[in-house]
Amino acid sequence: MSALLIATNNRGKLAEFKLIFAGLPCSIVSPSDIGLNLEVTENGTTFEENAALKSVAFAVASGLLTLADDSGLEVEALWGEPGVLSARYAGENATDSERINFLLSKMKNIPDGKRQARFRSVIAITTPKDLHTEFCSGECHGIIIFEPKGENGFGYDPVFFLPQMGKTMAEIPKDIKNNISHRGTAARNAIPLLKNLLKLV
């Protein structure tokens, strides 16, 4: 059976991808599963550039069909921040809590009705032989609330309120989150592409 490398060691992302890709005719592996320790500098200015940097580098290093994603939060009132800097918004080694607190401090004077935001995810899939890369994307729209709620999820999920659900992303079960999240949408959009590519590797 062929393998699909998910180019991340983020346990939350890996769990989401493994759940969504469970029906694919391949094994889903992470870099740590195959003993690959690779750091890729994400210095792109767009989600597409960063996702491609990772998928190409890991495809070269592993020789496997590789999927990488770059995703983040874009807040309208902050002119799209934190965007591609979402993971490093409060500093390189900040925790999720520190990132959330930093975001909320920047939004403390932004009133209800002006706190719209969206999560965006771009997936890059790279074939190992020719390093051809294709992209899929997804979005999820919501509102940034004033304090965290919920224990599920990761990243900015506890302050990302979904009006249609009446809950934050961190208050809903994983299976529901995968049905509506930006990464879940991008991953489902990638399934037909992955099925075709797996026939070629």
N, C-alpha and C. Protein backbone atom coordinates (compact mmCIF):
# COMPACT_ATOMS: atom_id res chain seq x y z
N MET A 1 0.85 -1.20 0.00
CA MET A 1 0.00 0.00 0.00
C MET A 1 0.88 1.25 0.00
N SER A 2 0.52 2.21 -0.83
CA SER A 2 1.28 3.46 -0.88
C SER A 2 1.00 4.30 0.36
N ALA A 3 1.85 5.30 0.57
CA ALA A 3 1.74 6.13 1.76
C ALA A 3 1.55 7.59 1.38
N LEU A 4 0.84 8.30 2.23
CA LEU A 4 0.68 9.74 2.11
C LEU A 4 1.31 10.36 3.35
N LEU A 5 2.31 11.20 3.14
CA LEU A 5 2.97 11.88 4.24
C LEU A 5 2.25 13.20 4.53
N ILE A 6 1.82 13.37 5.77
CA ILE A 6 1.26 14.65 6.21
C ILE A 6 2.39 15.43 6.86
N ALA A 7 2.79 16.52 6.24
CA ALA A 7 4.01 17.23 6.64
C ALA A 7 3.79 18.12 7.85
N THR A 8 3.46 17.49 8.97
CA THR A 8 3.33 18.22 10.23
C THR A 8 3.49 17.24 11.38
N ASN A 9 3.95 17.75 12.51
CA ASN A 9 3.95 16.95 13.74
C ASN A 9 2.96 17.52 14.75
N ASN A 10 2.13 18.46 14.28
CA ASN A 10 1.07 19.01 15.12
C ASN A 10 0.00 17.92 15.31
N ARG A 11 -0.14 17.44 16.54
CA ARG A 11 -1.04 16.31 16.79
C ARG A 11 -2.49 16.61 16.45
N GLY A 12 -2.90 17.87 16.70
CA GLY A 12 -4.27 18.25 16.38
C GLY A 12 -4.54 18.16 14.89
N LYS A 13 -3.63 18.69 14.08
CA LYS A 13 -3.80 18.63 12.63
C LYS A 13 -3.77 17.18 12.15
N LEU A 14 -2.82 16.40 12.66
CA LEU A 14 -2.71 15.01 12.22
C LEU A 14 -3.99 14.24 12.50
N ALA A 15 -4.56 14.45 13.67
CA ALA A 15 -5.80 13.74 14.02
C ALA A 15 -6.92 14.12 13.07
N GLU A 16 -7.03 15.41 12.74
CA GLU A 16 -8.08 15.86 11.82
C GLU A 16 -7.90 15.24 10.44
N PHE A 17 -6.67 15.28 9.92
CA PHE A 17 -6.41 14.74 8.59
C PHE A 17 -6.65 13.22 8.55
N LYS A 18 -6.19 12.51 9.56
CA LYS A 18 -6.36 11.05 9.57
C LYS A 18 -7.83 10.67 9.58
N LEU A 19 -8.63 11.42 10.29
CA LEU A 19 -10.07 11.16 10.34
C LEU A 19 -10.71 11.37 8.97
N ILE A 20 -10.37 12.48 8.32
CA ILE A 20 -10.98 12.82 7.04
C ILE A 20 -10.49 11.91 5.92
N PHE A 21 -9.21 11.50 5.99
CA PHE A 21 -8.62 10.68 4.93
C PHE A 21 -8.69 9.18 5.22
N ALA A 22 -9.50 8.80 6.20
CA ALA A 22 -9.55 7.39 6.62
C ALA A 22 -9.94 6.45 5.48
N GLY A 23 -10.71 6.93 4.51
CA GLY A 23 -11.17 6.07 3.43
C GLY A 23 -10.23 5.98 2.24
N LEU A 24 -9.12 6.70 2.28
CA LEU A 24 -8.19 6.66 1.15
C LEU A 24 -7.42 5.33 1.11
N PRO A 25 -7.09 4.85 -0.09
CA PRO A 25 -6.36 3.57 -0.20
C PRO A 25 -4.86 3.75 0.02
N CYS A 26 -4.50 4.22 1.20
CA CYS A 26 -3.09 4.44 1.52
C CYS A 26 -2.92 4.50 3.02
N SER A 27 -1.68 4.39 3.47
CA SER A 27 -1.41 4.62 4.88
C SER A 27 -1.08 6.10 5.07
N ILE A 28 -1.53 6.65 6.17
CA ILE A 28 -1.29 8.06 6.49
C ILE A 28 -0.16 8.10 7.50
N VAL A 29 0.95 8.76 7.14
CA VAL A 29 2.11 8.80 8.03
C VAL A 29 2.52 10.24 8.31
N SER A 30 3.15 10.43 9.46
CA SER A 30 3.70 11.74 9.83
C SER A 30 5.22 11.68 9.72
N PRO A 31 5.89 12.82 9.74
CA PRO A 31 7.36 12.80 9.70
C PRO A 31 7.96 11.95 10.82
N SER A 32 7.41 12.04 12.02
CA SER A 32 7.97 11.26 13.13
C SER A 32 7.77 9.76 12.91
N ASP A 33 6.70 9.37 12.22
CA ASP A 33 6.45 7.96 11.93
C ASP A 33 7.57 7.35 11.10
N ILE A 34 8.18 8.17 10.23
CA ILE A 34 9.22 7.64 9.33
C ILE A 34 10.61 8.15 9.73
N GLY A 35 10.71 8.71 10.93
CA GLY A 35 12.01 9.16 11.43
C GLY A 35 12.57 10.36 10.71
N LEU A 36 11.69 11.19 10.19
CA LEU A 36 12.13 12.37 9.44
C LEU A 36 12.04 13.61 10.32
N ASN A 37 13.17 14.24 10.52
CA ASN A 37 13.23 15.46 11.33
C ASN A 37 13.68 16.60 10.43
N LEU A 38 12.73 17.40 10.00
CA LEU A 38 13.01 18.45 9.02
C LEU A 38 12.32 19.74 9.42
N GLU A 39 13.07 20.80 9.48
CA GLU A 39 12.51 22.12 9.77
C GLU A 39 12.48 22.94 8.50
N VAL A 40 11.33 23.44 8.14
CA VAL A 40 11.19 24.26 6.93
C VAL A 40 10.88 25.69 7.34
N THR A 41 11.67 26.62 6.83
CA THR A 41 11.43 28.03 7.13
C THR A 41 10.22 28.52 6.33
N GLU A 42 9.19 28.92 7.04
CA GLU A 42 7.96 29.38 6.38
C GLU A 42 8.04 30.89 6.19
N ASN A 43 8.76 31.28 5.15
CA ASN A 43 8.96 32.70 4.90
C ASN A 43 8.17 33.21 3.70
N GLY A 44 7.15 32.45 3.31
CA GLY A 44 6.28 32.91 2.24
C GLY A 44 5.36 34.03 2.72
N THR A 45 4.81 34.75 1.78
CA THR A 45 3.91 35.86 2.13
C THR A 45 2.44 35.48 1.98
N THR A 46 2.19 34.25 1.53
CA THR A 46 0.82 33.77 1.39
C THR A 46 0.72 32.36 1.95
N PHE A 47 -0.51 31.92 2.25
CA PHE A 47 -0.72 30.55 2.70
C PHE A 47 -0.25 29.56 1.63
N GLU A 48 -0.50 29.89 0.35
CA GLU A 48 -0.09 29.01 -0.75
C GLU A 48 1.42 28.81 -0.77
N GLU A 49 2.16 29.90 -0.63
CA GLU A 49 3.62 29.79 -0.67
C GLU A 49 4.15 28.95 0.49
N ASN A 50 3.64 29.17 1.68
CA ASN A 50 4.12 28.42 2.83
C ASN A 50 3.76 26.94 2.74
N ALA A 51 2.55 26.64 2.29
CA ALA A 51 2.15 25.24 2.15
C ALA A 51 3.05 24.53 1.13
N ALA A 52 3.34 25.20 0.02
CA ALA A 52 4.19 24.60 -1.02
C ALA A 52 5.63 24.42 -0.54
N LEU A 53 6.14 25.39 0.21
CA LEU A 53 7.50 25.25 0.76
C LEU A 53 7.61 23.95 1.56
N LYS A 54 6.60 23.68 2.39
CA LYS A 54 6.63 22.49 3.23
C LYS A 54 6.42 21.21 2.42
N SER A 55 5.43 21.21 1.54
CA SER A 55 5.13 19.96 0.82
C SER A 55 6.28 19.56 -0.10
N VAL A 56 6.90 20.52 -0.76
CA VAL A 56 8.03 20.20 -1.65
C VAL A 56 9.22 19.69 -0.84
N ALA A 57 9.56 20.38 0.24
CA ALA A 57 10.72 19.98 1.05
C ALA A 57 10.55 18.57 1.62
N PHE A 58 9.35 18.26 2.11
CA PHE A 58 9.13 16.94 2.70
C PHE A 58 9.02 15.86 1.63
N ALA A 59 8.50 16.20 0.45
CA ALA A 59 8.45 15.22 -0.65
C ALA A 59 9.86 14.86 -1.10
N VAL A 60 10.74 15.85 -1.19
CA VAL A 60 12.13 15.61 -1.56
C VAL A 60 12.81 14.73 -0.53
N ALA A 61 12.61 15.05 0.75
CA ALA A 61 13.30 14.34 1.83
C ALA A 61 12.78 12.92 2.03
N SER A 62 11.49 12.71 1.74
CA SER A 62 10.88 11.40 2.04
C SER A 62 10.70 10.50 0.83
N GLY A 63 10.58 11.09 -0.35
CA GLY A 63 10.25 10.31 -1.54
C GLY A 63 8.80 9.86 -1.57
N LEU A 64 7.96 10.48 -0.74
CA LEU A 64 6.55 10.11 -0.66
C LEU A 64 5.64 11.22 -1.17
N LEU A 65 4.47 10.81 -1.63
CA LEU A 65 3.43 11.80 -1.91
C LEU A 65 3.18 12.57 -0.62
N THR A 66 3.25 13.90 -0.70
CA THR A 66 3.25 14.70 0.53
C THR A 66 2.18 15.78 0.50
N LEU A 67 1.50 15.91 1.63
CA LEU A 67 0.50 16.95 1.81
C LEU A 67 0.93 17.87 2.96
N ALA A 68 0.88 19.16 2.70
CA ALA A 68 1.16 20.14 3.76
C ALA A 68 0.08 21.20 3.70
N ASP A 69 -0.22 21.75 4.85
CA ASP A 69 -1.19 22.84 4.84
C ASP A 69 -0.60 24.05 5.54
N ASP A 70 -1.07 25.19 5.13
CA ASP A 70 -0.79 26.41 5.90
C ASP A 70 -2.14 27.05 6.13
N SER A 71 -2.39 27.39 7.35
CA SER A 71 -3.70 27.93 7.67
C SER A 71 -3.54 29.00 8.73
N GLY A 72 -4.56 29.81 8.86
CA GLY A 72 -4.49 30.86 9.86
C GLY A 72 -5.79 31.62 9.96
N LEU A 73 -5.74 32.57 10.85
CA LEU A 73 -6.90 33.40 11.17
C LEU A 73 -6.73 34.77 10.54
N GLU A 74 -7.78 35.26 9.92
CA GLU A 74 -7.76 36.62 9.35
C GLU A 74 -8.92 37.41 9.97
N VAL A 75 -8.58 38.48 10.68
CA VAL A 75 -9.56 39.32 11.35
C VAL A 75 -9.77 40.60 10.56
N GLU A 76 -11.02 40.86 10.18
CA GLU A 76 -11.32 42.02 9.32
C GLU A 76 -10.85 43.33 9.95
N ALA A 77 -11.14 43.52 11.24
CA ALA A 77 -10.82 44.78 11.90
C ALA A 77 -9.31 44.99 12.07
N LEU A 78 -8.53 43.92 11.91
CA LEU A 78 -7.08 44.02 12.00
C LEU A 78 -6.45 43.93 10.61
N TRP A 79 -7.24 44.24 9.58
CA TRP A 79 -6.77 44.24 8.19
C TRP A 79 -6.13 42.91 7.79
N GLY A 80 -6.76 41.83 8.24
CA GLY A 80 -6.30 40.50 7.84
C GLY A 80 -5.30 39.85 8.77
N GLU A 81 -4.87 40.58 9.80
CA GLU A 81 -3.96 39.93 10.77
C GLU A 81 -4.74 38.88 11.58
N PRO A 82 -4.03 37.89 12.11
CA PRO A 82 -2.60 37.60 11.99
C PRO A 82 -2.19 36.92 10.69
N GLY A 83 -3.13 36.39 9.92
CA GLY A 83 -2.82 35.83 8.60
C GLY A 83 -1.75 34.76 8.64
N VAL A 84 -0.74 34.88 7.75
CA VAL A 84 0.31 33.86 7.67
C VAL A 84 1.17 33.83 8.93
N LEU A 85 1.04 34.84 9.76
CA LEU A 85 1.80 34.87 11.02
C LEU A 85 1.01 34.30 12.20
N SER A 86 -0.12 33.65 11.94
CA SER A 86 -1.00 33.19 13.01
C SER A 86 -0.28 32.38 14.09
N ALA A 87 0.60 31.47 13.68
CA ALA A 87 1.28 30.62 14.65
C ALA A 87 2.39 31.36 15.40
N ARG A 88 2.83 32.48 14.84
CA ARG A 88 3.95 33.21 15.44
C ARG A 88 3.54 34.62 15.87
N TYR A 89 2.24 34.84 15.97
CA TYR A 89 1.70 36.19 16.21
C TYR A 89 2.20 36.79 17.52
N ALA A 90 2.31 35.95 18.55
CA ALA A 90 2.73 36.44 19.87
C ALA A 90 4.18 36.09 20.16
N GLY A 91 4.93 35.72 19.12
CA GLY A 91 6.32 35.32 19.30
C GLY A 91 6.53 33.88 18.85
N GLU A 92 7.76 33.55 18.54
CA GLU A 92 8.09 32.27 17.92
C GLU A 92 7.67 31.06 18.75
N ASN A 93 7.84 31.12 20.06
CA ASN A 93 7.56 29.95 20.90
C ASN A 93 6.35 30.15 21.82
N ALA A 94 5.46 31.04 21.43
CA ALA A 94 4.28 31.33 22.26
C ALA A 94 3.35 30.12 22.31
N THR A 95 2.64 29.99 23.41
CA THR A 95 1.63 28.93 23.54
C THR A 95 0.32 29.40 22.91
N ASP A 96 -0.62 28.47 22.76
CA ASP A 96 -1.95 28.84 22.24
C ASP A 96 -2.58 29.92 23.12
N SER A 97 -2.46 29.76 24.42
CA SER A 97 -3.05 30.75 25.34
C SER A 97 -2.42 32.12 25.16
N GLU A 98 -1.12 32.15 24.98
CA GLU A 98 -0.43 33.43 24.78
C GLU A 98 -0.85 34.09 23.47
N ARG A 99 -1.02 33.28 22.43
CA ARG A 99 -1.47 33.83 21.14
C ARG A 99 -2.88 34.40 21.26
N ILE A 100 -3.75 33.66 21.93
CA ILE A 100 -5.12 34.14 22.12
C ILE A 100 -5.13 35.44 22.91
N ASN A 101 -4.38 35.49 23.99
CA ASN A 101 -4.34 36.70 24.82
C ASN A 101 -3.80 37.89 24.05
N PHE A 102 -2.79 37.65 23.22
CA PHE A 102 -2.23 38.73 22.41
C PHE A 102 -3.26 39.24 21.42
N LEU A 103 -3.97 38.31 20.76
CA LEU A 103 -5.02 38.70 19.82
C LEU A 103 -6.10 39.52 20.52
N LEU A 104 -6.56 39.03 21.66
CA LEU A 104 -7.63 39.72 22.38
C LEU A 104 -7.18 41.10 22.86
N SER A 105 -5.92 41.24 23.21
CA SER A 105 -5.41 42.55 23.63
C SER A 105 -5.42 43.54 22.47
N LYS A 106 -5.14 43.05 21.26
CA LYS A 106 -5.16 43.93 20.09
C LYS A 106 -6.58 44.30 19.68
N MET A 107 -7.56 43.48 20.13
CA MET A 107 -8.95 43.71 19.75
C MET A 107 -9.79 44.28 20.89
N LYS A 108 -9.16 44.69 21.98
CA LYS A 108 -9.94 45.09 23.17
C LYS A 108 -10.85 46.27 22.93
N ASN A 109 -10.52 47.13 21.96
CA ASN A 109 -11.37 48.29 21.69
C ASN A 109 -12.29 48.10 20.49
N ILE A 110 -12.32 46.88 19.96
CA ILE A 110 -13.18 46.59 18.81
C ILE A 110 -14.52 46.06 19.32
N PRO A 111 -15.62 46.75 19.04
CA PRO A 111 -16.91 46.39 19.63
C PRO A 111 -17.60 45.22 18.95
N ASP A 112 -18.63 44.70 19.59
CA ASP A 112 -19.51 43.72 18.96
C ASP A 112 -19.99 44.27 17.61
N GLY A 113 -20.12 43.39 16.66
CA GLY A 113 -20.57 43.81 15.34
C GLY A 113 -19.43 44.16 14.41
N LYS A 114 -18.21 44.28 14.97
CA LYS A 114 -17.04 44.62 14.16
C LYS A 114 -15.93 43.58 14.32
N ARG A 115 -16.30 42.39 14.82
CA ARG A 115 -15.28 41.40 15.16
C ARG A 115 -15.30 40.18 14.22
N GLN A 116 -15.73 40.41 12.98
CA GLN A 116 -15.80 39.31 12.01
C GLN A 116 -14.39 38.80 11.67
N ALA A 117 -14.32 37.50 11.43
CA ALA A 117 -13.04 36.88 11.10
C ALA A 117 -13.29 35.63 10.27
N ARG A 118 -12.24 35.10 9.72
CA ARG A 118 -12.35 33.83 9.01
C ARG A 118 -11.07 33.04 9.23
N PHE A 119 -11.23 31.73 9.32
CA PHE A 119 -10.11 30.80 9.24
C PHE A 119 -9.93 30.44 7.77
N ARG A 120 -8.68 30.43 7.30
CA ARG A 120 -8.38 29.99 5.93
C ARG A 120 -7.36 28.87 5.98
N SER A 121 -7.54 27.90 5.13
CA SER A 121 -6.58 26.80 5.01
C SER A 121 -6.28 26.55 3.54
N VAL A 122 -5.00 26.43 3.23
CA VAL A 122 -4.56 26.05 1.89
C VAL A 122 -3.72 24.79 2.00
N ILE A 123 -4.10 23.77 1.25
CA ILE A 123 -3.38 22.51 1.21
C ILE A 123 -2.57 22.44 -0.07
N ALA A 124 -1.30 22.04 0.06
CA ALA A 124 -0.44 21.78 -1.10
C ALA A 124 -0.12 20.29 -1.12
N ILE A 125 -0.24 19.68 -2.28
CA ILE A 125 0.06 18.25 -2.44
C ILE A 125 1.15 18.13 -3.51
N THR A 126 2.26 17.51 -3.14
CA THR A 126 3.41 17.43 -4.03
C THR A 126 3.75 15.97 -4.32
N THR A 127 3.91 15.65 -5.62
CA THR A 127 4.33 14.32 -6.02
C THR A 127 5.85 14.23 -5.97
N PRO A 128 6.40 13.11 -5.47
CA PRO A 128 7.84 13.04 -5.24
C PRO A 128 8.69 12.96 -6.50
N LYS A 129 8.14 12.41 -7.58
CA LYS A 129 8.97 12.20 -8.78
C LYS A 129 9.30 13.50 -9.50
N ASP A 130 8.26 14.30 -9.76
CA ASP A 130 8.48 15.53 -10.53
C ASP A 130 8.27 16.79 -9.71
N LEU A 131 7.93 16.63 -8.44
CA LEU A 131 7.68 17.76 -7.53
C LEU A 131 6.57 18.68 -8.03
N HIS A 132 5.64 18.09 -8.78
CA HIS A 132 4.46 18.85 -9.21
C HIS A 132 3.57 19.09 -7.99
N THR A 133 3.10 20.32 -7.85
CA THR A 133 2.31 20.69 -6.67
C THR A 133 0.94 21.23 -7.08
N GLU A 134 -0.09 20.74 -6.43
CA GLU A 134 -1.44 21.25 -6.65
C GLU A 134 -2.03 21.72 -5.32
N PHE A 135 -3.05 22.58 -5.40
CA PHE A 135 -3.58 23.24 -4.21
C PHE A 135 -5.09 23.03 -4.07
N CYS A 136 -5.53 22.96 -2.81
CA CYS A 136 -6.95 23.00 -2.46
C CYS A 136 -7.10 23.95 -1.28
N SER A 137 -8.27 24.55 -1.13
CA SER A 137 -8.42 25.51 -0.04
C SER A 137 -9.80 25.40 0.60
N GLY A 138 -9.93 26.03 1.77
CA GLY A 138 -11.19 26.06 2.47
C GLY A 138 -11.25 27.25 3.41
N GLU A 139 -12.46 27.70 3.73
CA GLU A 139 -12.66 28.83 4.64
C GLU A 139 -13.77 28.52 5.63
N CYS A 140 -13.70 29.19 6.78
CA CYS A 140 -14.76 29.10 7.77
C CYS A 140 -14.92 30.49 8.40
N HIS A 141 -16.15 31.01 8.39
CA HIS A 141 -16.39 32.38 8.85
C HIS A 141 -16.99 32.39 10.25
N GLY A 142 -16.57 33.37 11.05
CA GLY A 142 -17.07 33.48 12.41
C GLY A 142 -16.79 34.84 13.02
N ILE A 143 -16.83 34.89 14.34
CA ILE A 143 -16.68 36.14 15.09
C ILE A 143 -15.71 35.88 16.25
N ILE A 144 -14.82 36.84 16.51
CA ILE A 144 -13.91 36.72 17.65
C ILE A 144 -14.61 37.24 18.90
N ILE A 145 -14.78 36.35 19.89
CA ILE A 145 -15.44 36.75 21.13
C ILE A 145 -14.41 37.33 22.11
N PHE A 146 -14.88 37.80 23.25
CA PHE A 146 -14.03 38.56 24.17
C PHE A 146 -13.23 37.70 25.13
N GLU A 147 -13.62 36.44 25.30
CA GLU A 147 -12.85 35.55 26.17
C GLU A 147 -13.01 34.11 25.70
N PRO A 148 -12.00 33.27 25.93
CA PRO A 148 -12.04 31.89 25.43
C PRO A 148 -13.16 31.06 26.04
N LYS A 149 -13.70 30.16 25.22
CA LYS A 149 -14.72 29.21 25.70
C LYS A 149 -14.48 27.87 25.01
N GLY A 150 -14.50 26.79 25.81
CA GLY A 150 -14.37 25.45 25.25
C GLY A 150 -13.00 24.85 25.46
N GLU A 151 -12.99 23.52 25.52
CA GLU A 151 -11.76 22.78 25.80
C GLU A 151 -11.28 21.97 24.59
N ASN A 152 -12.08 21.89 23.55
CA ASN A 152 -11.68 21.11 22.38
C ASN A 152 -10.85 21.99 21.44
N GLY A 153 -10.33 21.37 20.41
CA GLY A 153 -9.61 22.13 19.40
C GLY A 153 -8.25 22.62 19.87
N PHE A 154 -7.70 23.56 19.11
CA PHE A 154 -6.39 24.11 19.41
C PHE A 154 -6.27 25.45 18.72
N GLY A 155 -5.14 26.12 18.89
CA GLY A 155 -4.95 27.41 18.26
C GLY A 155 -5.96 28.44 18.76
N TYR A 156 -6.60 29.14 17.83
CA TYR A 156 -7.55 30.20 18.17
C TYR A 156 -8.99 29.70 18.32
N ASP A 157 -9.18 28.37 18.28
CA ASP A 157 -10.53 27.80 18.34
C ASP A 157 -11.38 28.33 19.50
N PRO A 158 -10.81 28.51 20.72
CA PRO A 158 -11.66 28.93 21.85
C PRO A 158 -12.25 30.34 21.73
N VAL A 159 -11.72 31.18 20.85
CA VAL A 159 -12.28 32.54 20.70
C VAL A 159 -12.96 32.73 19.35
N PHE A 160 -13.05 31.66 18.56
CA PHE A 160 -13.68 31.74 17.24
C PHE A 160 -15.11 31.23 17.34
N PHE A 161 -16.06 32.16 17.39
CA PHE A 161 -17.47 31.85 17.60
C PHE A 161 -18.18 31.63 16.27
N LEU A 162 -18.93 30.53 16.21
CA LEU A 162 -19.67 30.16 15.00
C LEU A 162 -21.14 30.51 15.20
N PRO A 163 -21.63 31.60 14.60
CA PRO A 163 -23.03 32.02 14.82
C PRO A 163 -24.05 30.93 14.50
N GLN A 164 -23.78 30.15 13.45
CA GLN A 164 -24.74 29.13 13.05
C GLN A 164 -24.83 27.99 14.07
N MET A 165 -23.77 27.82 14.89
CA MET A 165 -23.74 26.77 15.89
C MET A 165 -24.08 27.29 17.29
N GLY A 166 -23.91 28.62 17.49
CA GLY A 166 -24.09 29.20 18.81
C GLY A 166 -23.00 28.79 19.78
N LYS A 167 -21.84 28.37 19.24
CA LYS A 167 -20.72 27.91 20.06
C LYS A 167 -19.40 28.31 19.40
N THR A 168 -18.33 28.23 20.20
CA THR A 168 -17.01 28.44 19.61
C THR A 168 -16.54 27.14 18.95
N MET A 169 -15.49 27.26 18.15
CA MET A 169 -14.92 26.08 17.50
C MET A 169 -14.40 25.07 18.54
N ALA A 170 -14.06 25.56 19.73
CA ALA A 170 -13.55 24.69 20.79
C ALA A 170 -14.65 24.06 21.63
N GLU A 171 -15.90 24.37 21.34
CA GLU A 171 -17.02 23.81 22.09
C GLU A 171 -17.77 22.74 21.31
N ILE A 172 -17.36 22.46 20.10
CA ILE A 172 -18.07 21.47 19.29
C ILE A 172 -17.23 20.21 19.15
N PRO A 173 -17.87 19.04 18.99
CA PRO A 173 -17.13 17.78 18.84
C PRO A 173 -16.28 17.77 17.57
N LYS A 174 -15.25 16.92 17.58
CA LYS A 174 -14.31 16.87 16.45
C LYS A 174 -15.00 16.53 15.13
N ASP A 175 -15.96 15.60 15.17
CA ASP A 175 -16.58 15.21 13.90
C ASP A 175 -17.37 16.35 13.29
N ILE A 176 -18.03 17.15 14.14
CA ILE A 176 -18.76 18.32 13.62
C ILE A 176 -17.77 19.38 13.14
N LYS A 177 -16.71 19.58 13.90
CA LYS A 177 -15.69 20.55 13.49
C LYS A 177 -15.14 20.20 12.12
N ASN A 178 -14.85 18.93 11.89
CA ASN A 178 -14.28 18.52 10.60
C ASN A 178 -15.25 18.78 9.45
N ASN A 179 -16.55 18.78 9.74
CA ASN A 179 -17.55 19.03 8.70
C ASN A 179 -17.63 20.49 8.30
N ILE A 180 -17.23 21.40 9.19
CA ILE A 180 -17.41 22.82 8.90
C ILE A 180 -16.12 23.63 8.90
N SER A 181 -15.03 23.05 9.39
CA SER A 181 -13.80 23.84 9.54
C SER A 181 -13.14 24.12 8.20
N HIS A 182 -12.29 25.13 8.18
CA HIS A 182 -11.52 25.50 7.00
C HIS A 182 -10.63 24.34 6.56
N ARG A 183 -9.97 23.69 7.52
CA ARG A 183 -9.08 22.59 7.17
C ARG A 183 -9.87 21.38 6.71
N GLY A 184 -11.02 21.14 7.35
CA GLY A 184 -11.86 20.04 6.93
C GLY A 184 -12.37 20.22 5.50
N THR A 185 -12.78 21.45 5.19
CA THR A 185 -13.26 21.75 3.83
C THR A 185 -12.14 21.57 2.81
N ALA A 186 -10.95 22.11 3.12
CA ALA A 186 -9.81 21.97 2.21
C ALA A 186 -9.44 20.50 2.02
N ALA A 187 -9.46 19.73 3.12
CA ALA A 187 -9.10 18.32 3.04
C ALA A 187 -10.11 17.53 2.21
N ARG A 188 -11.39 17.80 2.40
CA ARG A 188 -12.40 17.11 1.59
C ARG A 188 -12.26 17.49 0.11
N ASN A 189 -11.93 18.74 -0.16
CA ASN A 189 -11.71 19.16 -1.54
C ASN A 189 -10.50 18.44 -2.15
N ALA A 190 -9.57 18.01 -1.28
CA ALA A 190 -8.35 17.35 -1.76
C ALA A 190 -8.54 15.87 -2.04
N ILE A 191 -9.62 15.26 -1.54
CA ILE A 191 -9.77 13.81 -1.64
C ILE A 191 -9.79 13.32 -3.10
N PRO A 192 -10.59 13.90 -4.02
CA PRO A 192 -10.55 13.42 -5.41
C PRO A 192 -9.16 13.54 -6.04
N LEU A 193 -8.47 14.63 -5.72
CA LEU A 193 -7.12 14.83 -6.25
C LEU A 193 -6.17 13.76 -5.70
N LEU A 194 -6.27 13.50 -4.41
CA LEU A 194 -5.40 12.49 -3.80
C LEU A 194 -5.66 11.10 -4.37
N LYS A 195 -6.92 10.77 -4.62
CA LYS A 195 -7.24 9.46 -5.19
C LYS A 195 -6.56 9.27 -6.54
N ASN A 196 -6.56 10.33 -7.35
CA ASN A 196 -5.91 10.26 -8.66
C ASN A 196 -4.40 10.17 -8.52
N LEU A 197 -3.83 10.96 -7.64
CA LEU A 197 -2.38 10.98 -7.48
C LEU A 197 -1.85 9.67 -6.90
N LEU A 198 -2.62 9.06 -6.01
CA LEU A 198 -2.17 7.79 -5.42
C LEU A 198 -2.07 6.68 -6.45
N LYS A 199 -2.78 6.80 -7.55
CA LYS A 199 -2.68 5.81 -8.61
C LYS A 199 -1.36 5.94 -9.37
N LEU A 200 -0.73 7.11 -9.25
CA LEU A 200 0.47 7.39 -10.03
C LEU A 200 1.76 7.18 -9.26
N VAL A 201 1.66 7.03 -7.95
CA VAL A 201 2.89 6.90 -7.14
C VAL A 201 3.11 5.47 -6.68
